[in-house]
Amino acid sequence: MTSGDGCMTPTKNIWFKLGTSSLGMALLHSLSTTLSFAWDEADNIEIVPQRFRLPRLPRAFHHYHMVQISDIHMGSGMTPERFAHIVDLVNAQQPDLIVITGDFVTTQPIDIHLPVLQQHLSRLRAHDGVVAVLGNHDHHCDPAAVRRLLAQSNIIEVGNTHHTLWRGADQLHIAGVDDHYFGQDRMEDLLETLPEEGCAVLLAHEPDYADISAATGRFDLQLSGHSHAGQIAPPGIGILYLPKLCRKYPVGRYQLGRMIQYTNRGLGTVIIKVRIGARPEITTIMLESPHI
């Protein structure tokens, strides 16, 4: 590009020289490689196996198999084709139960994304169905519309309530709180209806809610998302930024007294479709009873 008299401007001349020098070509190649890797990593889904020994899990639920997914963020880098592939991967695990820990959508308008979400969420298959809670982006957009989506997709929402699974006389409670970021969590309401005895797994979108849930002494396991493991965490540098409510328990497994907290890295992206050092995750969970 040139100035009006046909000559390059000084700034553009510098970039031209840099781009044609060996150093400049190396830098441009490195930048291109990094961006390509970051883009590819956002599509490079990792299936992460976890085993959780829960102190109150009945013998009848020993080796109960759950799959957790989180932070789909449809439309924010998540395409219909990619989500269809994710659903296929989840179904291939042949789980007893699928749990989804929020952020189905990212920003308004969401109407164009709801039919695609319903089409593929409705294809999820598990012996005991699919259970979910909403996340902060769902509340930022249109929580009523997301709730309709879940109902139309045969997904059980457990915001501030619970769903009990039975094996004979034995029970496993799958509980949930609505989004803490938007102040919609009602732990007191949940505890009023949740039986006082038996193993309880809590779904809570924001992982740092574990400080509240662990303090109740009622839950054996909390499953969360929200953090994306930072989304950009270059090797040797680590996580560059984390949003509120996932800075204490940003990724993986933590022990808080008798309760285990697990933070899934999520599937989607926000702002830009880039992940570095934070691959998208499908978690396969095997529950173990101490009574075996």
C-alpha atoms as a PDB file:
ATOM      1  CA  MET A   1       0.000   0.000   0.000  1.00  0.00           C
ATOM      2  CA  THR A   2       1.240   3.514  -0.805  1.00  0.00           C
ATOM      3  CA  SER A   3       0.679   7.137   0.131  1.00  0.00           C
ATOM      4  CA  GLY A   4      -1.020   9.504  -2.276  1.00  0.00           C
ATOM      5  CA  ASP A   5       2.243  10.123  -4.178  1.00  0.00           C
ATOM      6  CA  GLY A   6       2.778   6.414  -4.775  1.00  0.00           C
ATOM      7  CA  CYS A   7       5.319   5.958  -1.961  1.00  0.00           C
ATOM      8  CA  MET A   8       4.934   3.745   1.102  1.00  0.00           C
ATOM      9  CA  THR A   9       4.212   5.534   4.368  1.00  0.00           C
ATOM     10  CA  PRO A  10       6.986   5.126   6.979  1.00  0.00           C
ATOM     11  CA  THR A  11       4.914   2.832   9.208  1.00  0.00           C
ATOM     12  CA  LYS A  12       3.825   0.561   6.385  1.00  0.00           C
ATOM     13  CA  ASN A  13       7.365   0.559   5.020  1.00  0.00           C
ATOM     14  CA  ILE A  14       8.565  -0.863   8.337  1.00  0.00           C
ATOM     15  CA  TRP A  15       5.953  -3.626   8.200  1.00  0.00           C
ATOM     16  CA  PHE A  16       6.854  -4.347   4.555  1.00  0.00           C
ATOM     17  CA  LYS A  17      10.546  -4.682   5.429  1.00  0.00           C
ATOM     18  CA  LEU A  18       9.728  -6.820   8.452  1.00  0.00           C
ATOM     19  CA  GLY A  19       7.480  -9.064   6.403  1.00  0.00           C
ATOM     20  CA  THR A  20      10.123  -9.607   3.743  1.00  0.00           C
ATOM     21  CA  SER A  21      13.070 -10.116   6.131  1.00  0.00           C
ATOM     22  CA  SER A  22      14.009 -13.547   7.430  1.00  0.00           C
ATOM     23  CA  LEU A  23      13.241 -12.460  10.993  1.00  0.00           C
ATOM     24  CA  GLY A  24       9.906 -11.033   9.918  1.00  0.00           C
ATOM     25  CA  MET A  25       8.979 -14.167   8.019  1.00  0.00           C
ATOM     26  CA  ALA A  26       9.875 -16.279  11.054  1.00  0.00           C
ATOM     27  CA  LEU A  27       7.745 -14.100  13.337  1.00  0.00           C
ATOM     28  CA  LEU A  28       4.786 -14.187  10.966  1.00  0.00           C
ATOM     29  CA  HIS A  29       5.116 -17.958  10.613  1.00  0.00           C
ATOM     30  CA  SER A  30       5.251 -18.350  14.389  1.00  0.00           C
ATOM     31  CA  LEU A  31       2.176 -16.166  14.819  1.00  0.00           C
ATOM     32  CA  SER A  32       0.300 -18.079  12.133  1.00  0.00           C
ATOM     33  CA  THR A  33       1.252 -21.422  13.702  1.00  0.00           C
ATOM     34  CA  THR A  34       0.187 -20.260  17.164  1.00  0.00           C
ATOM     35  CA  LEU A  35      -3.191 -19.001  15.942  1.00  0.00           C
ATOM     36  CA  SER A  36      -3.760 -22.191  13.961  1.00  0.00           C
ATOM     37  CA  PHE A  37      -2.901 -24.305  17.024  1.00  0.00           C
ATOM     38  CA  ALA A  38      -5.197 -22.236  19.259  1.00  0.00           C
ATOM     39  CA  TRP A  39      -8.027 -22.564  16.749  1.00  0.00           C
ATOM     40  CA  ASP A  40      -7.483 -26.326  16.404  1.00  0.00           C
ATOM     41  CA  GLU A  41      -7.263 -26.840  20.169  1.00  0.00           C
ATOM     42  CA  ALA A  42     -10.732 -25.333  20.548  1.00  0.00           C
ATOM     43  CA  ASP A  43     -11.986 -28.302  18.485  1.00  0.00           C
ATOM     44  CA  ASN A  44      -9.711 -30.907  20.082  1.00  0.00           C
ATOM     45  CA  ILE A  45     -12.077 -32.424  22.656  1.00  0.00           C
ATOM     46  CA  GLU A  46     -10.552 -34.483  25.450  1.00  0.00           C
ATOM     47  CA  ILE A  47     -12.523 -37.222  27.184  1.00  0.00           C
ATOM     48  CA  VAL A  48     -11.350 -37.067  30.798  1.00  0.00           C
ATOM     49  CA  PRO A  49     -12.045 -40.104  33.059  1.00  0.00           C
ATOM     50  CA  GLN A  50     -12.594 -39.497  36.776  1.00  0.00           C
ATOM     51  CA  ARG A  51     -13.337 -41.850  39.668  1.00  0.00           C
ATOM     52  CA  PHE A  52     -14.999 -40.437  42.774  1.00  0.00           C
ATOM     53  CA  ARG A  53     -15.365 -42.521  45.934  1.00  0.00           C
ATOM     54  CA  LEU A  54     -18.332 -40.993  47.741  1.00  0.00           C
ATOM     55  CA  PRO A  55     -18.777 -41.786  51.443  1.00  0.00           C
ATOM     56  CA  ARG A  56     -22.577 -42.037  51.344  1.00  0.00           C
ATOM     57  CA  LEU A  57     -22.968 -43.764  47.975  1.00  0.00           C
ATOM     58  CA  PRO A  58     -25.072 -46.930  48.389  1.00  0.00           C
ATOM     59  CA  ARG A  59     -23.743 -50.282  47.235  1.00  0.00           C
ATOM     60  CA  ALA A  60     -26.432 -50.410  44.528  1.00  0.00           C
ATOM     61  CA  PHE A  61     -24.873 -47.334  42.840  1.00  0.00           C
ATOM     62  CA  HIS A  62     -21.305 -48.639  42.889  1.00  0.00           C
ATOM     63  CA  HIS A  63     -19.795 -47.983  39.434  1.00  0.00           C
ATOM     64  CA  TYR A  64     -22.622 -45.653  38.498  1.00  0.00           C
ATOM     65  CA  HIS A  65     -21.478 -43.986  35.277  1.00  0.00           C
ATOM     66  CA  MET A  66     -22.105 -40.291  34.667  1.00  0.00           C
ATOM     67  CA  VAL A  67     -20.992 -37.977  31.866  1.00  0.00           C
ATOM     68  CA  GLN A  68     -20.616 -34.256  32.510  1.00  0.00           C
ATOM     69  CA  ILE A  69     -20.561 -31.557  29.845  1.00  0.00           C
ATOM     70  CA  SER A  70     -20.605 -27.812  30.395  1.00  0.00           C
ATOM     71  CA  ASP A  71     -20.432 -24.404  28.717  1.00  0.00           C
ATOM     72  CA  ILE A  72     -21.700 -25.275  25.251  1.00  0.00           C
ATOM     73  CA  HIS A  73     -21.936 -21.589  24.280  1.00  0.00           C
ATOM     74  CA  MET A  74     -23.816 -22.248  21.078  1.00  0.00           C
ATOM     75  CA  GLY A  75     -23.043 -19.630  18.453  1.00  0.00           C
ATOM     76  CA  SER A  76     -19.846 -18.377  20.076  1.00  0.00           C
ATOM     77  CA  GLY A  77     -17.528 -20.567  18.019  1.00  0.00           C
ATOM     78  CA  MET A  78     -19.760 -23.612  18.549  1.00  0.00           C
ATOM     79  CA  THR A  79     -21.216 -24.715  15.221  1.00  0.00           C
ATOM     80  CA  PRO A  80     -24.117 -27.135  14.688  1.00  0.00           C
ATOM     81  CA  GLU A  81     -21.711 -29.664  13.182  1.00  0.00           C
ATOM     82  CA  ARG A  82     -19.335 -29.479  16.121  1.00  0.00           C
ATOM     83  CA  PHE A  83     -22.131 -29.847  18.653  1.00  0.00           C
ATOM     84  CA  ALA A  84     -23.586 -32.815  16.770  1.00  0.00           C
ATOM     85  CA  HIS A  85     -20.152 -34.462  17.040  1.00  0.00           C
ATOM     86  CA  ILE A  86     -20.045 -33.728  20.788  1.00  0.00           C
ATOM     87  CA  VAL A  87     -23.446 -35.365  21.296  1.00  0.00           C
ATOM     88  CA  ASP A  88     -22.208 -38.424  19.408  1.00  0.00           C
ATOM     89  CA  LEU A  89     -19.137 -38.593  21.659  1.00  0.00           C
ATOM     90  CA  VAL A  90     -21.271 -38.328  24.796  1.00  0.00           C
ATOM     91  CA  ASN A  91     -23.668 -41.045  23.642  1.00  0.00           C
ATOM     92  CA  ALA A  92     -20.748 -43.304  22.762  1.00  0.00           C
ATOM     93  CA  GLN A  93     -19.800 -43.388  26.467  1.00  0.00           C
ATOM     94  CA  GLN A  94     -23.118 -45.177  27.194  1.00  0.00           C
ATOM     95  CA  PRO A  95     -23.674 -43.363  30.504  1.00  0.00           C
ATOM     96  CA  ASP A  96     -26.234 -44.041  33.193  1.00  0.00           C
ATOM     97  CA  LEU A  97     -26.778 -40.283  33.525  1.00  0.00           C
ATOM     98  CA  ILE A  98     -25.751 -37.125  31.668  1.00  0.00           C
ATOM     99  CA  VAL A  99     -25.361 -33.859  33.593  1.00  0.00           C
ATOM    100  CA  ILE A 100     -24.953 -30.402  32.029  1.00  0.00           C
ATOM    101  CA  THR A 101     -23.649 -27.574  34.208  1.00  0.00           C
ATOM    102  CA  GLY A 102     -24.904 -24.480  32.396  1.00  0.00           C
ATOM    103  CA  ASP A 103     -24.148 -21.880  29.724  1.00  0.00           C
ATOM    104  CA  PHE A 104     -26.043 -23.329  26.784  1.00  0.00           C
ATOM    105  CA  VAL A 105     -25.901 -19.948  25.009  1.00  0.00           C
ATOM    106  CA  THR A 106     -23.661 -16.880  25.136  1.00  0.00           C
ATOM    107  CA  THR A 107     -25.265 -13.614  24.019  1.00  0.00           C
ATOM    108  CA  GLN A 108     -28.456 -12.283  22.482  1.00  0.00           C
ATOM    109  CA  PRO A 109     -30.107 -12.895  20.130  1.00  0.00           C
ATOM    110  CA  ILE A 110     -30.405 -16.593  20.942  1.00  0.00           C
ATOM    111  CA  ASP A 111     -33.508 -17.461  18.904  1.00  0.00           C
ATOM    112  CA  ILE A 112     -31.457 -18.670  15.936  1.00  0.00           C
ATOM    113  CA  HIS A 113     -29.517 -21.079  18.178  1.00  0.00           C
ATOM    114  CA  LEU A 114     -32.411 -22.674  20.083  1.00  0.00           C
ATOM    115  CA  PRO A 115     -33.652 -24.985  17.274  1.00  0.00           C
ATOM    116  CA  VAL A 116     -30.137 -26.346  16.736  1.00  0.00           C
ATOM    117  CA  LEU A 117     -29.635 -26.869  20.462  1.00  0.00           C
ATOM    118  CA  GLN A 118     -32.968 -28.665  20.780  1.00  0.00           C
ATOM    119  CA  GLN A 119     -32.268 -30.856  17.774  1.00  0.00           C
ATOM    120  CA  HIS A 120     -29.047 -32.199  19.254  1.00  0.00           C
ATOM    121  CA  LEU A 121     -29.806 -32.020  22.994  1.00  0.00           C
ATOM    122  CA  SER A 122     -32.834 -34.207  22.243  1.00  0.00           C
ATOM    123  CA  ARG A 123     -30.460 -36.849  20.866  1.00  0.00           C
ATOM    124  CA  LEU A 124     -28.609 -37.302  24.170  1.00  0.00           C
ATOM    125  CA  ARG A 125     -29.139 -40.810  25.490  1.00  0.00           C
ATOM    126  CA  ALA A 126     -28.587 -42.157  29.011  1.00  0.00           C
ATOM    127  CA  HIS A 127     -30.326 -44.838  31.069  1.00  0.00           C
ATOM    128  CA  ASP A 128     -31.535 -42.300  33.665  1.00  0.00           C
ATOM    129  CA  GLY A 129     -31.834 -39.315  31.321  1.00  0.00           C
ATOM    130  CA  VAL A 130     -30.267 -35.859  31.358  1.00  0.00           C
ATOM    131  CA  VAL A 131     -30.182 -33.367  34.246  1.00  0.00           C
ATOM    132  CA  ALA A 132     -29.037 -29.729  34.031  1.00  0.00           C
ATOM    133  CA  VAL A 133     -28.739 -26.316  35.645  1.00  0.00           C
ATOM    134  CA  LEU A 134     -28.496 -22.890  34.034  1.00  0.00           C
ATOM    135  CA  GLY A 135     -25.354 -20.740  33.939  1.00  0.00           C
ATOM    136  CA  ASN A 136     -24.648 -17.023  34.064  1.00  0.00           C
ATOM    137  CA  HIS A 137     -24.789 -16.571  30.269  1.00  0.00           C
ATOM    138  CA  ASP A 138     -28.178 -18.281  30.173  1.00  0.00           C
ATOM    139  CA  HIS A 139     -29.456 -15.742  32.695  1.00  0.00           C
ATOM    140  CA  HIS A 140     -27.776 -12.889  30.853  1.00  0.00           C
ATOM    141  CA  CYS A 141     -29.604 -13.864  27.669  1.00  0.00           C
ATOM    142  CA  ASP A 142     -33.071 -15.283  28.355  1.00  0.00           C
ATOM    143  CA  PRO A 143     -33.443 -17.818  31.185  1.00  0.00           C
ATOM    144  CA  ALA A 144     -37.116 -18.459  30.378  1.00  0.00           C
ATOM    145  CA  ALA A 145     -36.228 -19.401  26.803  1.00  0.00           C
ATOM    146  CA  VAL A 146     -33.409 -21.683  27.974  1.00  0.00           C
ATOM    147  CA  ARG A 147     -35.781 -23.382  30.405  1.00  0.00           C
ATOM    148  CA  ARG A 148     -38.271 -23.982  27.590  1.00  0.00           C
ATOM    149  CA  LEU A 149     -35.421 -25.421  25.548  1.00  0.00           C
ATOM    150  CA  LEU A 150     -34.558 -27.882  28.320  1.00  0.00           C
ATOM    151  CA  ALA A 151     -38.172 -28.961  28.752  1.00  0.00           C
ATOM    152  CA  GLN A 152     -38.611 -29.448  25.000  1.00  0.00           C
ATOM    153  CA  SER A 153     -35.386 -31.484  24.921  1.00  0.00           C
ATOM    154  CA  ASN A 154     -36.572 -33.813  27.732  1.00  0.00           C
ATOM    155  CA  ILE A 155     -33.898 -32.491  30.097  1.00  0.00           C
ATOM    156  CA  ILE A 156     -34.670 -32.244  33.812  1.00  0.00           C
ATOM    157  CA  GLU A 157     -33.714 -28.866  35.273  1.00  0.00           C
ATOM    158  CA  VAL A 158     -32.704 -29.010  38.945  1.00  0.00           C
ATOM    159  CA  GLY A 159     -32.217 -25.330  39.757  1.00  0.00           C
ATOM    160  CA  ASN A 160     -32.751 -25.085  43.544  1.00  0.00           C
ATOM    161  CA  THR A 161     -34.314 -28.547  43.638  1.00  0.00           C
ATOM    162  CA  HIS A 162     -33.338 -32.184  43.238  1.00  0.00           C
ATOM    163  CA  HIS A 163     -34.044 -35.336  41.261  1.00  0.00           C
ATOM    164  CA  THR A 164     -33.812 -38.716  43.004  1.00  0.00           C
ATOM    165  CA  LEU A 165     -32.590 -41.873  41.301  1.00  0.00           C
ATOM    166  CA  TRP A 166     -33.576 -45.288  42.659  1.00  0.00           C
ATOM    167  CA  ARG A 167     -31.998 -48.725  42.633  1.00  0.00           C
ATOM    168  CA  GLY A 168     -34.430 -50.826  44.607  1.00  0.00           C
ATOM    169  CA  ALA A 169     -34.691 -49.122  47.998  1.00  0.00           C
ATOM    170  CA  ASP A 170     -31.404 -47.224  47.549  1.00  0.00           C
ATOM    171  CA  GLN A 171     -31.311 -43.595  46.451  1.00  0.00           C
ATOM    172  CA  LEU A 172     -28.906 -41.159  44.774  1.00  0.00           C
ATOM    173  CA  HIS A 173     -29.936 -37.512  44.830  1.00  0.00           C
ATOM    174  CA  ILE A 174     -28.922 -35.247  41.929  1.00  0.00           C
ATOM    175  CA  ALA A 175     -29.404 -31.713  43.213  1.00  0.00           C
ATOM    176  CA  GLY A 176     -28.757 -28.310  41.712  1.00  0.00           C
ATOM    177  CA  VAL A 177     -28.650 -24.606  42.422  1.00  0.00           C
ATOM    178  CA  ASP A 178     -29.643 -21.916  39.985  1.00  0.00           C
ATOM    179  CA  ASP A 179     -26.962 -19.458  38.946  1.00  0.00           C
ATOM    180  CA  HIS A 180     -24.994 -17.892  41.811  1.00  0.00           C
ATOM    181  CA  TYR A 181     -23.455 -15.166  39.619  1.00  0.00           C
ATOM    182  CA  PHE A 182     -26.916 -13.670  39.073  1.00  0.00           C
ATOM    183  CA  GLY A 183     -28.008 -14.322  42.662  1.00  0.00           C
ATOM    184  CA  GLN A 184     -30.555 -16.969  41.698  1.00  0.00           C
ATOM    185  CA  ASP A 185     -29.213 -19.736  43.974  1.00  0.00           C
ATOM    186  CA  ARG A 186     -31.512 -20.734  46.838  1.00  0.00           C
ATOM    187  CA  MET A 187     -29.630 -23.240  48.947  1.00  0.00           C
ATOM    188  CA  GLU A 188     -32.147 -22.922  51.765  1.00  0.00           C
ATOM    189  CA  ASP A 189     -34.979 -23.938  49.421  1.00  0.00           C
ATOM    190  CA  LEU A 190     -32.966 -26.876  48.127  1.00  0.00           C
ATOM    191  CA  LEU A 191     -32.145 -28.155  51.619  1.00  0.00           C
ATOM    192  CA  GLU A 192     -35.786 -27.905  52.669  1.00  0.00           C
ATOM    193  CA  THR A 193     -36.832 -30.444  50.026  1.00  0.00           C
ATOM    194  CA  LEU A 194     -33.664 -32.565  49.823  1.00  0.00           C
ATOM    195  CA  PRO A 195     -33.857 -35.651  52.074  1.00  0.00           C
ATOM    196  CA  GLU A 196     -31.539 -35.372  55.068  1.00  0.00           C
ATOM    197  CA  GLU A 197     -29.965 -38.756  54.413  1.00  0.00           C
ATOM    198  CA  GLY A 198     -28.335 -40.370  51.411  1.00  0.00           C
ATOM    199  CA  CYS A 199     -25.690 -39.498  48.828  1.00  0.00           C
ATOM    200  CA  ALA A 200     -26.198 -36.154  47.081  1.00  0.00           C
ATOM    201  CA  VAL A 201     -24.412 -34.770  44.016  1.00  0.00           C
ATOM    202  CA  LEU A 202     -24.764 -31.015  43.437  1.00  0.00           C
ATOM    203  CA  LEU A 203     -24.705 -29.263  40.063  1.00  0.00           C
ATOM    204  CA  ALA A 204     -23.574 -25.634  40.401  1.00  0.00           C
ATOM    205  CA  HIS A 205     -22.366 -23.641  37.409  1.00  0.00           C
ATOM    206  CA  GLU A 206     -19.757 -21.591  39.271  1.00  0.00           C
ATOM    207  CA  PRO A 207     -17.117 -23.764  41.008  1.00  0.00           C
ATOM    208  CA  ASP A 208     -16.393 -21.366  43.864  1.00  0.00           C
ATOM    209  CA  TYR A 209     -19.910 -22.062  45.107  1.00  0.00           C
ATOM    210  CA  ALA A 210     -18.231 -25.103  46.640  1.00  0.00           C
ATOM    211  CA  ASP A 211     -17.382 -23.018  49.709  1.00  0.00           C
ATOM    212  CA  ILE A 212     -21.116 -22.632  50.360  1.00  0.00           C
ATOM    213  CA  SER A 213     -22.166 -26.165  49.459  1.00  0.00           C
ATOM    214  CA  ALA A 214     -19.349 -27.881  51.370  1.00  0.00           C
ATOM    215  CA  ALA A 215     -20.194 -25.889  54.496  1.00  0.00           C
ATOM    216  CA  THR A 216     -23.662 -27.461  54.580  1.00  0.00           C
ATOM    217  CA  GLY A 217     -22.150 -30.927  54.988  1.00  0.00           C
ATOM    218  CA  ARG A 218     -24.916 -32.328  52.807  1.00  0.00           C
ATOM    219  CA  PHE A 219     -23.155 -32.962  49.495  1.00  0.00           C
ATOM    220  CA  ASP A 220     -20.626 -35.617  48.544  1.00  0.00           C
ATOM    221  CA  LEU A 221     -19.717 -34.121  45.164  1.00  0.00           C
ATOM    222  CA  GLN A 222     -20.163 -30.800  43.366  1.00  0.00           C
ATOM    223  CA  LEU A 223     -19.843 -30.612  39.588  1.00  0.00           C
ATOM    224  CA  SER A 224     -19.232 -27.227  37.946  1.00  0.00           C
ATOM    225  CA  GLY A 225     -18.036 -25.473  34.803  1.00  0.00           C
ATOM    226  CA  HIS A 226     -17.817 -21.722  34.091  1.00  0.00           C
ATOM    227  CA  SER A 227     -14.026 -21.293  34.079  1.00  0.00           C
ATOM    228  CA  HIS A 228     -13.103 -22.815  30.671  1.00  0.00           C
ATOM    229  CA  ALA A 229      -9.835 -23.469  32.581  1.00  0.00           C
ATOM    230  CA  GLY A 230      -9.020 -19.881  31.658  1.00  0.00           C
ATOM    231  CA  GLN A 231      -9.497 -20.660  27.932  1.00  0.00           C
ATOM    232  CA  ILE A 232      -6.017 -19.217  27.313  1.00  0.00           C
ATOM    233  CA  ALA A 233      -3.345 -20.789  29.514  1.00  0.00           C
ATOM    234  CA  PRO A 234      -0.042 -20.945  27.580  1.00  0.00           C
ATOM    235  CA  PRO A 235       2.369 -23.676  28.716  1.00  0.00           C
ATOM    236  CA  GLY A 236       4.946 -22.259  31.099  1.00  0.00           C
ATOM    237  CA  ILE A 237       2.782 -19.214  31.775  1.00  0.00           C
ATOM    238  CA  GLY A 238      -0.541 -20.590  32.947  1.00  0.00           C
ATOM    239  CA  ILE A 239      -4.004 -19.098  33.087  1.00  0.00           C
ATOM    240  CA  LEU A 240      -4.051 -15.471  32.011  1.00  0.00           C
ATOM    241  CA  TYR A 241      -7.532 -14.547  33.221  1.00  0.00           C
ATOM    242  CA  LEU A 242     -10.441 -16.087  35.093  1.00  0.00           C
ATOM    243  CA  PRO A 243     -13.921 -14.623  35.565  1.00  0.00           C
ATOM    244  CA  LYS A 244     -15.436 -14.195  39.011  1.00  0.00           C
ATOM    245  CA  LEU A 245     -16.518 -17.231  41.012  1.00  0.00           C
ATOM    246  CA  CYS A 246     -13.993 -19.676  39.527  1.00  0.00           C
ATOM    247  CA  ARG A 247     -10.707 -18.302  40.826  1.00  0.00           C
ATOM    248  CA  LYS A 248     -10.394 -20.658  43.809  1.00  0.00           C
ATOM    249  CA  TYR A 249     -11.296 -23.900  42.024  1.00  0.00           C
ATOM    250  CA  PRO A 250     -10.634 -23.175  38.325  1.00  0.00           C
ATOM    251  CA  VAL A 251      -9.990 -26.632  36.893  1.00  0.00           C
ATOM    252  CA  GLY A 252     -10.034 -30.259  37.928  1.00  0.00           C
ATOM    253  CA  ARG A 253     -10.502 -31.901  41.305  1.00  0.00           C
ATOM    254  CA  TYR A 254     -10.452 -30.387  44.801  1.00  0.00           C
ATOM    255  CA  GLN A 255     -11.235 -31.799  48.238  1.00  0.00           C
ATOM    256  CA  LEU A 256     -13.253 -29.624  50.630  1.00  0.00           C
ATOM    257  CA  GLY A 257     -13.732 -31.633  53.805  1.00  0.00           C
ATOM    258  CA  ARG A 258     -15.878 -34.637  52.866  1.00  0.00           C
ATOM    259  CA  MET A 259     -17.014 -33.062  49.593  1.00  0.00           C
ATOM    260  CA  ILE A 260     -15.229 -33.350  46.244  1.00  0.00           C
ATOM    261  CA  GLN A 261     -15.400 -30.370  43.888  1.00  0.00           C
ATOM    262  CA  TYR A 262     -14.793 -31.018  40.189  1.00  0.00           C
ATOM    263  CA  THR A 263     -14.510 -28.226  37.601  1.00  0.00           C
ATOM    264  CA  ASN A 264     -15.005 -29.246  33.974  1.00  0.00           C
ATOM    265  CA  ARG A 265     -13.111 -27.181  31.354  1.00  0.00           C
ATOM    266  CA  GLY A 266     -16.237 -26.769  29.230  1.00  0.00           C
ATOM    267  CA  LEU A 267     -16.782 -27.241  25.514  1.00  0.00           C
ATOM    268  CA  GLY A 268     -17.272 -23.808  23.996  1.00  0.00           C
ATOM    269  CA  THR A 269     -15.524 -20.461  23.916  1.00  0.00           C
ATOM    270  CA  VAL A 270     -16.417 -16.824  24.483  1.00  0.00           C
ATOM    271  CA  ILE A 271     -15.168 -13.665  22.745  1.00  0.00           C
ATOM    272  CA  ILE A 272     -13.018 -15.591  20.252  1.00  0.00           C
ATOM    273  CA  LYS A 273     -12.805 -19.259  19.281  1.00  0.00           C
ATOM    274  CA  VAL A 274      -9.403 -19.823  20.832  1.00  0.00           C
ATOM    275  CA  ARG A 275      -8.153 -22.236  23.473  1.00  0.00           C
ATOM    276  CA  ILE A 276      -4.526 -22.574  24.508  1.00  0.00           C
ATOM    277  CA  GLY A 277      -3.571 -25.087  27.191  1.00  0.00           C
ATOM    278  CA  ALA A 278      -7.249 -25.568  28.038  1.00  0.00           C
ATOM    279  CA  ARG A 279      -8.705 -28.239  25.776  1.00  0.00           C
ATOM    280  CA  PRO A 280     -12.492 -28.630  25.735  1.00  0.00           C
ATOM    281  CA  GLU A 281     -13.619 -31.478  27.954  1.00  0.00           C
ATOM    282  CA  ILE A 282     -16.155 -34.256  28.259  1.00  0.00           C
ATOM    283  CA  THR A 283     -15.848 -35.801  31.726  1.00  0.00           C
ATOM    284  CA  THR A 284     -16.710 -39.446  32.285  1.00  0.00           C
ATOM    285  CA  ILE A 285     -17.351 -40.087  35.970  1.00  0.00           C
ATOM    286  CA  MET A 286     -17.373 -43.432  37.727  1.00  0.00           C
ATOM    287  CA  LEU A 287     -18.901 -43.287  41.202  1.00  0.00           C
ATOM    288  CA  GLU A 288     -17.582 -45.739  43.762  1.00  0.00           C
ATOM    289  CA  SER A 289     -19.224 -46.867  46.987  1.00  0.00           C
ATOM    290  CA  PRO A 290     -17.185 -47.452  50.154  1.00  0.00           C
ATOM    291  CA  HIS A 291     -19.540 -50.320  51.003  1.00  0.00           C
ATOM    292  CA  ILE A 292     -18.050 -52.713  48.413  1.00  0.00           C
END
